[in-house]
C-alpha atoms as a PDB file:
ATOM      1  CA  MET A   1      17.838 -10.476   7.354  1.00  0.00           C
ATOM      2  CA  SER A   2      17.328 -11.492  11.392  1.00  0.00           C
ATOM      3  CA  ALA A   3      16.023 -15.288  11.549  1.00  0.00           C
ATOM      4  CA  PRO A   4      12.315 -15.298  10.811  1.00  0.00           C
ATOM      5  CA  VAL A   5      10.568 -15.171  14.064  1.00  0.00           C
ATOM      6  CA  LEU A   6       6.757 -15.151  12.040  1.00  0.00           C
ATOM      7  CA  GLU A   7       7.074 -17.234   7.921  1.00  0.00           C
ATOM      8  CA  ALA A   8       4.230 -18.473   5.671  1.00  0.00           C
ATOM      9  CA  ARG A   9       5.431 -22.177   2.973  1.00  0.00           C
ATOM     10  CA  SER A  10       3.407 -22.177   0.246  1.00  0.00           C
ATOM     11  CA  ALA A  11       0.462 -20.647   1.936  1.00  0.00           C
ATOM     12  CA  THR A  12      -3.007 -21.946  -0.264  1.00  0.00           C
ATOM     13  CA  VAL A  13      -6.104 -21.175   0.979  1.00  0.00           C
ATOM     14  CA  ASP A  14      -9.238 -22.096  -0.782  1.00  0.00           C
ATOM     15  CA  PHE A  15     -12.843 -20.161  -0.084  1.00  0.00           C
ATOM     16  CA  THR A  16     -16.079 -22.339  -1.463  1.00  0.00           C
ATOM     17  CA  THR A  17     -19.091 -19.422  -2.805  1.00  0.00           C
ATOM     18  CA  ARG A  18     -22.090 -20.060  -2.646  1.00  0.00           C
ATOM     19  CA  GLY A  19     -22.431 -21.419  -6.427  1.00  0.00           C
ATOM     20  CA  GLY A  20     -20.064 -23.870  -5.687  1.00  0.00           C
ATOM     21  CA  ALA A  21     -16.716 -22.366  -7.093  1.00  0.00           C
ATOM     22  CA  VAL A  22     -13.004 -22.539  -5.333  1.00  0.00           C
ATOM     23  CA  ALA A  23     -11.436 -19.161  -5.604  1.00  0.00           C
ATOM     24  CA  ARG A  24      -8.089 -19.001  -4.230  1.00  0.00           C
ATOM     25  CA  ALA A  25      -6.943 -16.322  -2.114  1.00  0.00           C
ATOM     26  CA  LEU A  26      -3.655 -17.536  -1.855  1.00  0.00           C
ATOM     27  CA  ASP A  27      -1.610 -19.272  -4.329  1.00  0.00           C
ATOM     28  CA  GLY A  28       1.479 -21.098  -2.900  1.00  0.00           C
ATOM     29  CA  VAL A  29       2.840 -18.379  -1.156  1.00  0.00           C
ATOM     30  CA  ASP A  30       6.804 -17.903   0.780  1.00  0.00           C
ATOM     31  CA  VAL A  31       6.802 -14.665   2.997  1.00  0.00           C
ATOM     32  CA  SER A  32       8.948 -14.509   6.676  1.00  0.00           C
ATOM     33  CA  VAL A  33       9.269 -11.236   9.208  1.00  0.00           C
ATOM     34  CA  GLY A  34      11.603 -11.516  11.249  1.00  0.00           C
ATOM     35  CA  ARG A  35      12.790 -10.024  14.121  1.00  0.00           C
ATOM     36  CA  GLY A  36      13.396  -5.820  13.363  1.00  0.00           C
ATOM     37  CA  GLU A  37      12.257  -5.848  10.403  1.00  0.00           C
ATOM     38  CA  VAL A  38       9.692  -4.055   8.311  1.00  0.00           C
ATOM     39  CA  LEU A  39       8.167  -5.924   5.930  1.00  0.00           C
ATOM     40  CA  ALA A  40       5.434  -4.810   2.605  1.00  0.00           C
ATOM     41  CA  LEU A  41       2.739  -6.820   1.474  1.00  0.00           C
ATOM     42  CA  VAL A  42       2.132  -4.223  -1.155  1.00  0.00           C
ATOM     43  CA  GLY A  43      -0.663  -4.914  -4.174  1.00  0.00           C
ATOM     44  CA  GLU A  44      -4.210  -3.637  -5.720  1.00  0.00           C
ATOM     45  CA  SER A  45      -7.421  -4.219  -3.973  1.00  0.00           C
ATOM     46  CA  GLY A  46      -8.296  -8.106  -4.486  1.00  0.00           C
ATOM     47  CA  SER A  47      -4.916  -9.708  -4.525  1.00  0.00           C
ATOM     48  CA  GLY A  48      -4.666 -11.352  -1.743  1.00  0.00           C
ATOM     49  CA  LYS A  49      -2.534  -8.716   0.558  1.00  0.00           C
ATOM     50  CA  THR A  50      -5.008  -8.994   3.593  1.00  0.00           C
ATOM     51  CA  THR A  51      -6.117 -12.575   3.279  1.00  0.00           C
ATOM     52  CA  LEU A  52      -2.148 -13.423   3.472  1.00  0.00           C
ATOM     53  CA  ALA A  53      -1.926 -11.191   6.926  1.00  0.00           C
ATOM     54  CA  ARG A  54      -4.781 -13.050   8.266  1.00  0.00           C
ATOM     55  CA  THR A  55      -2.947 -15.707   7.209  1.00  0.00           C
ATOM     56  CA  LEU A  56       0.270 -15.058   9.406  1.00  0.00           C
ATOM     57  CA  VAL A  57      -1.867 -14.242  12.487  1.00  0.00           C
ATOM     58  CA  GLY A  58      -4.101 -17.385  11.808  1.00  0.00           C
ATOM     59  CA  LEU A  59      -7.603 -15.983  11.461  1.00  0.00           C
ATOM     60  CA  GLN A  60      -7.331 -17.944   8.011  1.00  0.00           C
ATOM     61  CA  ARG A  61      -7.576 -21.625   7.762  1.00  0.00           C
ATOM     62  CA  LEU A  62      -4.922 -22.392   5.125  1.00  0.00           C
ATOM     63  CA  THR A  63      -5.387 -25.114   2.402  1.00  0.00           C
ATOM     64  CA  ALA A  64      -2.601 -26.524   1.954  1.00  0.00           C
ATOM     65  CA  GLY A  65       1.060 -25.519   3.325  1.00  0.00           C
ATOM     66  CA  GLU A  66       1.819 -24.254   6.677  1.00  0.00           C
ATOM     67  CA  VAL A  67       2.102 -21.093   8.600  1.00  0.00           C
ATOM     68  CA  LEU A  68       5.165 -21.273  10.920  1.00  0.00           C
ATOM     69  CA  PHE A  69       6.438 -19.475  14.068  1.00  0.00           C
ATOM     70  CA  GLU A  70       9.853 -19.352  15.674  1.00  0.00           C
ATOM     71  CA  GLY A  71      10.263 -22.228  12.815  1.00  0.00           C
ATOM     72  CA  ARG A  72       7.086 -24.560  14.567  1.00  0.00           C
ATOM     73  CA  PRO A  73       4.123 -25.107  11.992  1.00  0.00           C
ATOM     74  CA  LEU A  74       1.091 -23.250  13.564  1.00  0.00           C
ATOM     75  CA  ASP A  75      -0.611 -25.797  15.610  1.00  0.00           C
ATOM     76  CA  TYR A  76      -4.492 -23.586  15.393  1.00  0.00           C
ATOM     77  CA  SER A  77      -6.252 -25.268  18.855  1.00  0.00           C
ATOM     78  CA  ALA A  78      -6.779 -22.935  20.976  1.00  0.00           C
ATOM     79  CA  ARG A  79      -4.475 -22.810  23.336  1.00  0.00           C
ATOM     80  CA  GLY A  80      -1.984 -22.325  20.435  1.00  0.00           C
ATOM     81  CA  LEU A  81      -3.509 -20.153  18.742  1.00  0.00           C
ATOM     82  CA  ARG A  82      -4.014 -18.562  21.799  1.00  0.00           C
ATOM     83  CA  THR A  83       0.285 -18.813  22.455  1.00  0.00           C
ATOM     84  CA  LEU A  84       0.360 -17.600  18.433  1.00  0.00           C
ATOM     85  CA  ARG A  85      -1.200 -14.244  20.127  1.00  0.00           C
ATOM     86  CA  ARG A  86       0.873 -13.843  22.433  1.00  0.00           C
ATOM     87  CA  HIS A  87       3.429 -12.584  20.348  1.00  0.00           C
ATOM     88  CA  VAL A  88       1.686 -11.850  17.307  1.00  0.00           C
ATOM     89  CA  GLN A  89      -0.530  -9.137  17.224  1.00  0.00           C
ATOM     90  CA  MET A  90      -2.845  -7.546  14.169  1.00  0.00           C
ATOM     91  CA  VAL A  91      -3.660  -3.473  13.982  1.00  0.00           C
ATOM     92  CA  LEU A  92      -6.743  -3.778  11.761  1.00  0.00           C
ATOM     93  CA  GLN A  93      -7.222  -1.243   9.062  1.00  0.00           C
ATOM     94  CA  ASP A  94     -10.582   0.532  10.411  1.00  0.00           C
ATOM     95  CA  ALA A  95     -10.235   1.550  13.311  1.00  0.00           C
ATOM     96  CA  ALA A  96     -13.225   2.223  14.375  1.00  0.00           C
ATOM     97  CA  GLY A  97     -14.700  -0.229  13.620  1.00  0.00           C
ATOM     98  CA  SER A  98     -13.184  -2.309  15.325  1.00  0.00           C
ATOM     99  CA  LEU A  99     -13.369  -0.328  18.550  1.00  0.00           C
ATOM    100  CA  ASN A 100     -16.384  -1.287  20.929  1.00  0.00           C
ATOM    101  CA  PRO A 101     -18.399   2.016  21.269  1.00  0.00           C
ATOM    102  CA  ARG A 102     -19.196   0.554  24.688  1.00  0.00           C
ATOM    103  CA  GLN A 103     -15.632  -0.327  25.911  1.00  0.00           C
ATOM    104  CA  THR A 104     -13.006   2.458  27.478  1.00  0.00           C
ATOM    105  CA  VAL A 105      -9.857   3.059  25.950  1.00  0.00           C
ATOM    106  CA  TYR A 106      -8.955   1.578  29.050  1.00  0.00           C
ATOM    107  CA  GLU A 107     -11.018  -1.205  28.942  1.00  0.00           C
ATOM    108  CA  SER A 108     -10.065  -1.473  25.089  1.00  0.00           C
ATOM    109  CA  VAL A 109      -6.681  -1.633  26.088  1.00  0.00           C
ATOM    110  CA  ALA A 110      -6.877  -3.285  28.977  1.00  0.00           C
ATOM    111  CA  GLU A 111      -8.864  -6.839  27.468  1.00  0.00           C
ATOM    112  CA  GLY A 112      -5.831  -8.214  25.914  1.00  0.00           C
ATOM    113  CA  ILE A 113      -3.650  -8.086  29.407  1.00  0.00           C
ATOM    114  CA  ARG A 114      -6.814  -9.827  30.718  1.00  0.00           C
ATOM    115  CA  LEU A 115      -7.233 -12.540  28.118  1.00  0.00           C
ATOM    116  CA  HIS A 116      -3.382 -13.358  28.301  1.00  0.00           C
ATOM    117  CA  LYS A 117      -3.072 -13.317  31.851  1.00  0.00           C
ATOM    118  CA  ARG A 118       0.033 -10.671  31.253  1.00  0.00           C
ATOM    119  CA  VAL A 119      -0.327  -9.159  35.536  1.00  0.00           C
ATOM    120  CA  ALA A 120       0.264 -12.598  37.024  1.00  0.00           C
ATOM    121  CA  ALA A 121       3.310 -13.301  33.929  1.00  0.00           C
ATOM    122  CA  ASP A 122       4.626  -9.987  34.817  1.00  0.00           C
ATOM    123  CA  GLU A 123       8.317  -9.844  35.919  1.00  0.00           C
ATOM    124  CA  GLN A 124       8.055  -6.228  37.039  1.00  0.00           C
ATOM    125  CA  GLY A 125       5.216  -6.996  39.222  1.00  0.00           C
ATOM    126  CA  ARG A 126       3.525  -4.048  37.708  1.00  0.00           C
ATOM    127  CA  THR A 127      -0.581  -4.187  38.035  1.00  0.00           C
ATOM    128  CA  GLU A 128      -2.910  -3.498  35.184  1.00  0.00           C
ATOM    129  CA  VAL A 129      -3.079  -0.377  35.536  1.00  0.00           C
ATOM    130  CA  ASP A 130       0.231   0.132  35.206  1.00  0.00           C
ATOM    131  CA  LEU A 131       0.261  -1.900  31.835  1.00  0.00           C
ATOM    132  CA  VAL A 132      -1.955   0.132  30.451  1.00  0.00           C
ATOM    133  CA  ALA A 133      -0.734   2.804  31.045  1.00  0.00           C
ATOM    134  CA  ALA A 134       2.392   1.997  29.804  1.00  0.00           C
ATOM    135  CA  ALA A 135       1.292   0.381  26.421  1.00  0.00           C
ATOM    136  CA  LEU A 136      -0.877   4.099  25.839  1.00  0.00           C
ATOM    137  CA  ALA A 137       2.475   6.169  26.541  1.00  0.00           C
ATOM    138  CA  GLU A 138       4.393   3.952  24.246  1.00  0.00           C
ATOM    139  CA  ALA A 139       2.103   4.991  21.880  1.00  0.00           C
ATOM    140  CA  GLY A 140       1.934   7.942  21.835  1.00  0.00           C
ATOM    141  CA  LEU A 141      -1.275   8.950  24.004  1.00  0.00           C
ATOM    142  CA  ARG A 142       0.001  10.744  26.936  1.00  0.00           C
ATOM    143  CA  PRO A 143      -0.868  11.413  29.636  1.00  0.00           C
ATOM    144  CA  PRO A 144      -2.564   7.866  29.259  1.00  0.00           C
ATOM    145  CA  GLU A 145      -4.739   8.996  32.231  1.00  0.00           C
ATOM    146  CA  ARG A 146      -6.382  11.435  31.094  1.00  0.00           C
ATOM    147  CA  LEU A 147      -7.851   8.904  28.608  1.00  0.00           C
ATOM    148  CA  PHE A 148      -8.266   6.176  30.421  1.00  0.00           C
ATOM    149  CA  LEU A 149     -12.616   7.240  30.705  1.00  0.00           C
ATOM    150  CA  ARG A 150     -12.938   8.111  27.441  1.00  0.00           C
ATOM    151  CA  TYR A 151     -14.914   6.679  24.563  1.00  0.00           C
ATOM    152  CA  PRO A 152     -14.515   5.847  20.967  1.00  0.00           C
ATOM    153  CA  HIS A 153     -16.190   8.649  19.795  1.00  0.00           C
ATOM    154  CA  GLU A 154     -14.442  10.870  21.950  1.00  0.00           C
ATOM    155  CA  LEU A 155     -11.306  10.381  20.030  1.00  0.00           C
ATOM    156  CA  SER A 156     -10.250  11.569  16.587  1.00  0.00           C
ATOM    157  CA  GLY A 157      -8.889   8.901  13.872  1.00  0.00           C
ATOM    158  CA  GLY A 158      -5.758   9.189  15.119  1.00  0.00           C
ATOM    159  CA  GLN A 159      -5.701   8.159  18.626  1.00  0.00           C
ATOM    160  CA  LYS A 160      -8.177   5.500  17.502  1.00  0.00           C
ATOM    161  CA  GLN A 161      -5.264   4.071  15.982  1.00  0.00           C
ATOM    162  CA  ARG A 162      -2.988   5.262  18.692  1.00  0.00           C
ATOM    163  CA  VAL A 163      -5.597   3.070  20.883  1.00  0.00           C
ATOM    164  CA  LEU A 164      -5.992  -0.281  18.585  1.00  0.00           C
ATOM    165  CA  ILE A 165      -1.562  -0.566  18.376  1.00  0.00           C
ATOM    166  CA  ALA A 166      -1.359   0.407  22.429  1.00  0.00           C
ATOM    167  CA  GLY A 167      -4.047  -3.089  22.710  1.00  0.00           C
ATOM    168  CA  ALA A 168      -1.320  -5.092  20.836  1.00  0.00           C
ATOM    169  CA  LEU A 169       1.678  -3.349  22.815  1.00  0.00           C
ATOM    170  CA  ALA A 170       0.330  -4.684  25.987  1.00  0.00           C
ATOM    171  CA  LEU A 171       1.386  -7.790  25.453  1.00  0.00           C
ATOM    172  CA  ARG A 172       5.261  -7.404  24.582  1.00  0.00           C
ATOM    173  CA  PRO A 173       4.812  -8.649  21.524  1.00  0.00           C
ATOM    174  CA  GLN A 174       7.691 -10.251  18.814  1.00  0.00           C
ATOM    175  CA  ILE A 175       5.244  -9.266  15.387  1.00  0.00           C
ATOM    176  CA  LEU A 176       3.325  -6.776  14.072  1.00  0.00           C
ATOM    177  CA  LEU A 177       0.798  -6.894  11.551  1.00  0.00           C
ATOM    178  CA  ALA A 178      -0.945  -3.602  10.629  1.00  0.00           C
ATOM    179  CA  ASP A 179      -3.566  -3.639   7.860  1.00  0.00           C
ATOM    180  CA  GLU A 180      -3.824  -0.365   6.298  1.00  0.00           C
ATOM    181  CA  PRO A 181      -3.059   1.638   9.191  1.00  0.00           C
ATOM    182  CA  VAL A 182      -2.989   5.373   7.925  1.00  0.00           C
ATOM    183  CA  SER A 183      -4.535   4.673   4.524  1.00  0.00           C
ATOM    184  CA  SER A 184      -8.403   6.737   6.908  1.00  0.00           C
ATOM    185  CA  LEU A 185      -5.864   9.222   8.396  1.00  0.00           C
ATOM    186  CA  ASP A 186      -5.091  13.031   6.912  1.00  0.00           C
ATOM    187  CA  ALA A 187      -0.884  13.244   5.923  1.00  0.00           C
ATOM    188  CA  SER A 188       0.129  14.839   9.193  1.00  0.00           C
ATOM    189  CA  ILE A 189      -1.439  11.796  11.400  1.00  0.00           C
ATOM    190  CA  ARG A 190      -0.480   9.815   8.764  1.00  0.00           C
ATOM    191  CA  GLY A 191       3.313  10.575   9.519  1.00  0.00           C
ATOM    192  CA  GLU A 192       2.826  10.338  13.143  1.00  0.00           C
ATOM    193  CA  ILE A 193       1.830   6.994  12.676  1.00  0.00           C
ATOM    194  CA  LEU A 194       4.747   5.814  10.986  1.00  0.00           C
ATOM    195  CA  ALA A 195       7.564   7.297  13.012  1.00  0.00           C
ATOM    196  CA  LEU A 196       5.360   5.537  15.343  1.00  0.00           C
ATOM    197  CA  LEU A 197       5.660   2.456  13.759  1.00  0.00           C
ATOM    198  CA  LEU A 198       9.588   2.931  12.693  1.00  0.00           C
ATOM    199  CA  GLU A 199       9.562   3.649  16.593  1.00  0.00           C
ATOM    200  CA  LEU A 200       8.040   0.294  17.846  1.00  0.00           C
ATOM    201  CA  ARG A 201      11.391  -1.706  15.845  1.00  0.00           C
ATOM    202  CA  GLU A 202      13.898   0.204  17.090  1.00  0.00           C
ATOM    203  CA  GLU A 203      13.340   0.543  20.431  1.00  0.00           C
ATOM    204  CA  ASN A 204      11.822  -2.691  20.731  1.00  0.00           C
ATOM    205  CA  GLY A 205      13.269  -4.325  17.917  1.00  0.00           C
ATOM    206  CA  VAL A 206       9.355  -4.974  17.121  1.00  0.00           C
ATOM    207  CA  GLY A 207       8.957  -7.496  13.738  1.00  0.00           C
ATOM    208  CA  ILE A 208       6.214  -5.680  11.669  1.00  0.00           C
ATOM    209  CA  VAL A 209       3.959  -6.100   8.667  1.00  0.00           C
ATOM    210  CA  VAL A 210       2.349  -3.540   6.917  1.00  0.00           C
ATOM    211  CA  VAL A 211      -0.674  -3.898   4.337  1.00  0.00           C
ATOM    212  CA  THR A 212      -0.580  -1.247   1.417  1.00  0.00           C
ATOM    213  CA  HIS A 213      -1.486  -0.811  -1.896  1.00  0.00           C
ATOM    214  CA  ASP A 214       0.230   2.405  -1.211  1.00  0.00           C
ATOM    215  CA  LEU A 215       4.099   1.926  -2.482  1.00  0.00           C
ATOM    216  CA  GLY A 216       4.992   5.655  -1.138  1.00  0.00           C
ATOM    217  CA  LEU A 217       4.507   4.290   2.246  1.00  0.00           C
ATOM    218  CA  ALA A 218       6.012   0.687   1.677  1.00  0.00           C
ATOM    219  CA  TRP A 219       9.002   3.392   0.378  1.00  0.00           C
ATOM    220  CA  ASN A 220       8.674   5.679   3.957  1.00  0.00           C
ATOM    221  CA  ILE A 221       8.871   2.147   6.169  1.00  0.00           C
ATOM    222  CA  ALA A 222      10.166  -0.963   5.148  1.00  0.00           C
ATOM    223  CA  ASP A 223      13.149  -2.849   4.668  1.00  0.00           C
ATOM    224  CA  ARG A 224      11.663  -5.739   1.778  1.00  0.00           C
ATOM    225  CA  ILE A 225       8.821  -5.675  -0.541  1.00  0.00           C
ATOM    226  CA  ALA A 226       6.749  -8.122  -1.865  1.00  0.00           C
ATOM    227  CA  VAL A 227       5.187  -7.810  -4.272  1.00  0.00           C
ATOM    228  CA  MET A 228       0.957  -9.993  -4.557  1.00  0.00           C
ATOM    229  CA  TYR A 229      -1.066 -10.453  -7.738  1.00  0.00           C
ATOM    230  CA  LEU A 230      -4.030 -12.730  -7.708  1.00  0.00           C
ATOM    231  CA  GLY A 231      -2.801 -14.296  -4.714  1.00  0.00           C
ATOM    232  CA  ARG A 232       0.621 -15.224  -5.413  1.00  0.00           C
ATOM    233  CA  VAL A 233       3.902 -12.658  -4.719  1.00  0.00           C
ATOM    234  CA  VAL A 234       5.021 -12.159  -8.431  1.00  0.00           C
ATOM    235  CA  GLU A 235       7.999  -9.635  -7.159  1.00  0.00           C
ATOM    236  CA  PHE A 236      10.628  -9.158  -4.299  1.00  0.00           C
ATOM    237  CA  GLY A 237      12.895  -7.966  -2.333  1.00  0.00           C
ATOM    238  CA  SER A 238      14.306  -4.884  -0.646  1.00  0.00           C
ATOM    239  CA  THR A 239      11.993  -2.509  -0.342  1.00  0.00           C
ATOM    240  CA  GLU A 240      15.336  -0.403  -3.036  1.00  0.00           C
ATOM    241  CA  GLU A 241      16.179  -3.561  -5.112  1.00  0.00           C
ATOM    242  CA  VAL A 242      11.506  -3.432  -6.092  1.00  0.00           C
ATOM    243  CA  LEU A 243      11.402   0.433  -6.348  1.00  0.00           C
ATOM    244  CA  GLU A 244      14.236   1.147  -8.036  1.00  0.00           C
ATOM    245  CA  SER A 245      14.593  -0.307 -10.501  1.00  0.00           C
ATOM    246  CA  PRO A 246      11.159  -2.392 -11.171  1.00  0.00           C
ATOM    247  CA  ARG A 247      11.657  -5.626 -13.206  1.00  0.00           C
ATOM    248  CA  HIS A 248       8.020  -7.585 -13.325  1.00  0.00           C
ATOM    249  CA  PRO A 249       5.937  -5.376 -15.047  1.00  0.00           C
ATOM    250  CA  TYR A 250       2.842  -4.894 -12.670  1.00  0.00           C
ATOM    251  CA  THR A 251       5.413  -3.102 -10.513  1.00  0.00           C
ATOM    252  CA  GLN A 252       6.032  -0.709 -13.393  1.00  0.00           C
ATOM    253  CA  ALA A 253       2.593   0.006 -13.513  1.00  0.00           C
ATOM    254  CA  LEU A 254       1.861   0.035  -9.378  1.00  0.00           C
ATOM    255  CA  LEU A 255       5.799   2.987  -9.476  1.00  0.00           C
ATOM    256  CA  SER A 256       4.061   4.366 -12.118  1.00  0.00           C
ATOM    257  CA  VAL A 257       1.375   6.869 -10.722  1.00  0.00           C
ATOM    258  CA  VAL A 258       3.867   7.909  -6.976  1.00  0.00           C
ATOM    259  CA  PRO A 259       5.424  10.520  -9.013  1.00  0.00           C
ATOM    260  CA  GLU A 260       7.357  11.298  -5.465  1.00  0.00           C
ATOM    261  CA  ILE A 261       8.839   8.037  -6.131  1.00  0.00           C
ATOM    262  CA  SER A 262       8.947   7.631  -9.491  1.00  0.00           C
ATOM    263  CA  HIS A 263      10.478   8.861 -12.881  1.00  0.00           C
ATOM    264  CA  LEU A 264       8.548   6.359 -15.056  1.00  0.00           C
ATOM    265  CA  GLU A 265       5.585   7.886 -17.990  1.00  0.00           C
ATOM    266  CA  PRO A 266       2.182   6.553 -16.339  1.00  0.00           C
ATOM    267  CA  ILE A 267       1.511   2.801 -16.909  1.00  0.00           C
ATOM    268  CA  VAL A 268      -2.774   2.534 -16.965  1.00  0.00           C
ATOM    269  CA  LEU A 269      -3.644  -0.898 -17.136  1.00  0.00           C
ATOM    270  CA  ARG A 270      -6.620  -2.038 -18.462  1.00  0.00           C
ATOM    271  CA  GLY A 271      -9.159  -3.756 -16.492  1.00  0.00           C
ATOM    272  CA  GLU A 272      -9.363  -5.667 -13.102  1.00  0.00           C
ATOM    273  CA  ILE A 273      -7.794  -8.167 -11.785  1.00  0.00           C
ATOM    274  CA  PRO A 274      -9.684 -11.431 -12.756  1.00  0.00           C
ATOM    275  CA  ASP A 275     -12.005 -13.830 -10.720  1.00  0.00           C
ATOM    276  CA  PRO A 276     -10.204 -15.589  -9.009  1.00  0.00           C
ATOM    277  CA  THR A 277     -12.407 -18.316  -9.336  1.00  0.00           C
ATOM    278  CA  ARG A 278     -10.603 -18.024 -13.063  1.00  0.00           C
ATOM    279  CA  ILE A 279      -7.097 -17.767 -12.884  1.00  0.00           C
ATOM    280  CA  PRO A 280      -6.021 -17.282 -16.375  1.00  0.00           C
ATOM    281  CA  GLY A 281      -3.338 -19.663 -17.139  1.00  0.00           C
ATOM    282  CA  GLY A 282       0.260 -18.783 -18.473  1.00  0.00           C
ATOM    283  CA  CYS A 283       1.065 -16.209 -16.267  1.00  0.00           C
ATOM    284  CA  ARG A 284      -1.489 -14.486 -14.161  1.00  0.00           C
ATOM    285  CA  PHE A 285      -0.924 -11.395 -15.157  1.00  0.00           C
ATOM    286  CA  HIS A 286      -1.092 -12.328 -18.878  1.00  0.00           C
ATOM    287  CA  PRO A 287      -4.457 -10.291 -19.729  1.00  0.00           C
ATOM    288  CA  ARG A 288      -3.179  -7.333 -18.678  1.00  0.00           C
ATOM    289  CA  CYS A 289      -0.345  -7.469 -19.092  1.00  0.00           C
ATOM    290  CA  PRO A 290       1.833  -3.601 -20.723  1.00  0.00           C
ATOM    291  CA  LYS A 291       4.408  -5.394 -21.881  1.00  0.00           C
ATOM    292  CA  LEU A 292       2.655  -8.801 -23.800  1.00  0.00           C
ATOM    293  CA  ALA A 293       0.163  -5.932 -25.318  1.00  0.00           C
ATOM    294  CA  ASP A 294       2.699  -3.497 -26.773  1.00  0.00           C
ATOM    295  CA  GLY A 295       4.666  -6.263 -28.225  1.00  0.00           C
ATOM    296  CA  SER A 296       7.554  -6.846 -26.434  1.00  0.00           C
ATOM    297  CA  ALA A 297       7.274 -10.086 -25.290  1.00  0.00           C
ATOM    298  CA  ALA A 298       7.263 -11.567 -29.205  1.00  0.00           C
ATOM    299  CA  ALA A 299       9.823  -9.231 -29.836  1.00  0.00           C
ATOM    300  CA  ALA A 300      11.623 -11.313 -27.057  1.00  0.00           C
ATOM    301  CA  GLY A 301       9.941 -14.678 -28.378  1.00  0.00           C
ATOM    302  CA  VAL A 302       8.742 -15.310 -24.882  1.00  0.00           C
ATOM    303  CA  GLU A 303       5.427 -14.484 -25.827  1.00  0.00           C
ATOM    304  CA  HIS A 304       3.597 -17.753 -26.074  1.00  0.00           C
ATOM    305  CA  ARG A 305       5.262 -18.721 -21.908  1.00  0.00           C
ATOM    306  CA  CYS A 306       3.715 -15.443 -21.608  1.00  0.00           C
ATOM    307  CA  LEU A 307       0.058 -16.799 -22.352  1.00  0.00           C
ATOM    308  CA  ASN A 308       0.427 -20.998 -21.045  1.00  0.00           C
ATOM    309  CA  ASP A 309       3.711 -21.404 -18.848  1.00  0.00           C
ATOM    310  CA  GLY A 310       2.600 -21.204 -14.758  1.00  0.00           C
ATOM    311  CA  LEU A 311       5.585 -19.574 -13.311  1.00  0.00           C
ATOM    312  CA  ALA A 312       7.099 -21.245  -9.836  1.00  0.00           C
ATOM    313  CA  VAL A 313       6.301 -19.598  -6.155  1.00  0.00           C
ATOM    314  CA  LEU A 314       9.334 -16.968  -5.188  1.00  0.00           C
ATOM    315  CA  PRO A 315      11.524 -17.970  -2.344  1.00  0.00           C
ATOM    316  CA  ALA A 316      10.500 -15.647   1.076  1.00  0.00           C
ATOM    317  CA  ASP A 317      14.044 -14.057   1.399  1.00  0.00           C
ATOM    318  CA  GLY A 318      17.265 -14.347  -1.002  1.00  0.00           C
ATOM    319  CA  GLU A 319      17.611 -11.780  -3.336  1.00  0.00           C
ATOM    320  CA  HIS A 320      16.095  -9.118  -6.068  1.00  0.00           C
ATOM    321  CA  ARG A 321      13.541 -12.105  -7.122  1.00  0.00           C
ATOM    322  CA  VAL A 322      11.167 -11.838 -10.383  1.00  0.00           C
ATOM    323  CA  ALA A 323       8.108 -13.820 -11.729  1.00  0.00           C
ATOM    324  CA  CYS A 324       7.951 -12.834 -15.207  1.00  0.00           C
ATOM    325  CA  HIS A 325       9.329 -15.084 -18.730  1.00  0.00           C
ATOM    326  CA  LEU A 326      10.491 -11.564 -19.876  1.00  0.00           C
ATOM    327  CA  ASP A 327      12.297 -10.997 -17.521  1.00  0.00           C
ATOM    328  CA  ALA A 328      13.926 -13.812 -17.436  1.00  0.00           C
ATOM    329  CA  VAL A 329      14.512 -13.510 -20.425  1.00  0.00           C
ATOM    330  CA  LEU A 330      16.324  -9.290 -20.276  1.00  0.00           C
ATOM    331  CA  THR A 331      18.124 -10.775 -17.001  1.00  0.00           C
ATOM    332  CA  GLY A 332      19.802 -13.138 -18.634  1.00  0.00           C
ATOM    333  CA  ALA A 333      20.516 -11.193 -21.616  1.00  0.00           C
ATOM    334  CA  ALA A 334      22.238  -8.777 -19.255  1.00  0.00           C
ATOM    335  CA  GLU A 335      23.883 -11.786 -17.701  1.00  0.00           C
ATOM    336  CA  GLN A 336      25.741 -12.692 -21.062  1.00  0.00           C
ATOM    337  CA  GLY A 337      26.430  -9.342 -21.886  1.00  0.00           C
ATOM    338  CA  ARG A 338      28.167  -8.811 -18.774  1.00  0.00           C
ATOM    339  CA  GLY A 339      30.378 -11.665 -18.758  1.00  0.00           C
ATOM    340  CA  GLU A 340      31.394 -11.150 -22.205  1.00  0.00           C
ATOM    341  CA  VAL A 341      32.475  -7.530 -20.894  1.00  0.00           C
ATOM    342  CA  SER A 342      34.377  -9.122 -18.158  1.00  0.00           C
ATOM    343  CA  ALA A 343      36.242 -11.073 -20.480  1.00  0.00           C
END
């Protein structure tokens, strides 16, 4: 992994409900992304993925912990956030809702260039028109000039998504955060957008954080995966480690319903993600855990721990890691067995 450009350390975000209860959307999360790598944040709706992405780009303030850009804590002043967003851009999920219907394509892409005074800083002496055209072309909209005066309602879904990406690329960011970038697109267009993101990584060294519920998408694009559940990362590692050898029961359940990359029997999870104002004690996944329900945890002697003992926050880098009491026992037994064989 390259040196982290953007990272969160023990990131915690609380929201207060109308009734005065505190909902913990993030509960001590460590993640990092470097130039030229793709990190996928995966999990069900309500797992904290989008809140984490918004936190990384400074749209959501932390209750505790910190966000670092190039090793320095994020400055939440207007000047500090403007500096961050010059280098870290977010592409939102709803392209149709994100584009101003009264702005042309040209105006939508030029808006960031003007805000960050990119023309004045351009070393090649390019004009605003040059920069807008280059961003649109880089996002796969060629020839770009034919789209300058079009409005969002005149574009296809794929074209709208590319315009959003072009608006981010116009600032030459180091990191791109893409929130469900292809969820609303047809299958053929999905492939084109994913290919575009990978091309940006290869040619420009852009680091990418992809927020998705789709493990198939993560398989095709990500270098590393962080599986999130109820505000925590519960499994982390390289894409091959996490998707070829999933160790957390939650990851196994998510993967079991993706037939193109899994040979697991489908695992149906009971109920919904719990209310974040009432996070369960012990392992937060235990009310829905298939391994607890089928007696596997009891057989391994960890049922009491699953119900009562919390788990440590997983680090943002290093080897394949899992926040699971049962996995800790099974992994320890497997390592002991290997030691006995080698002895």
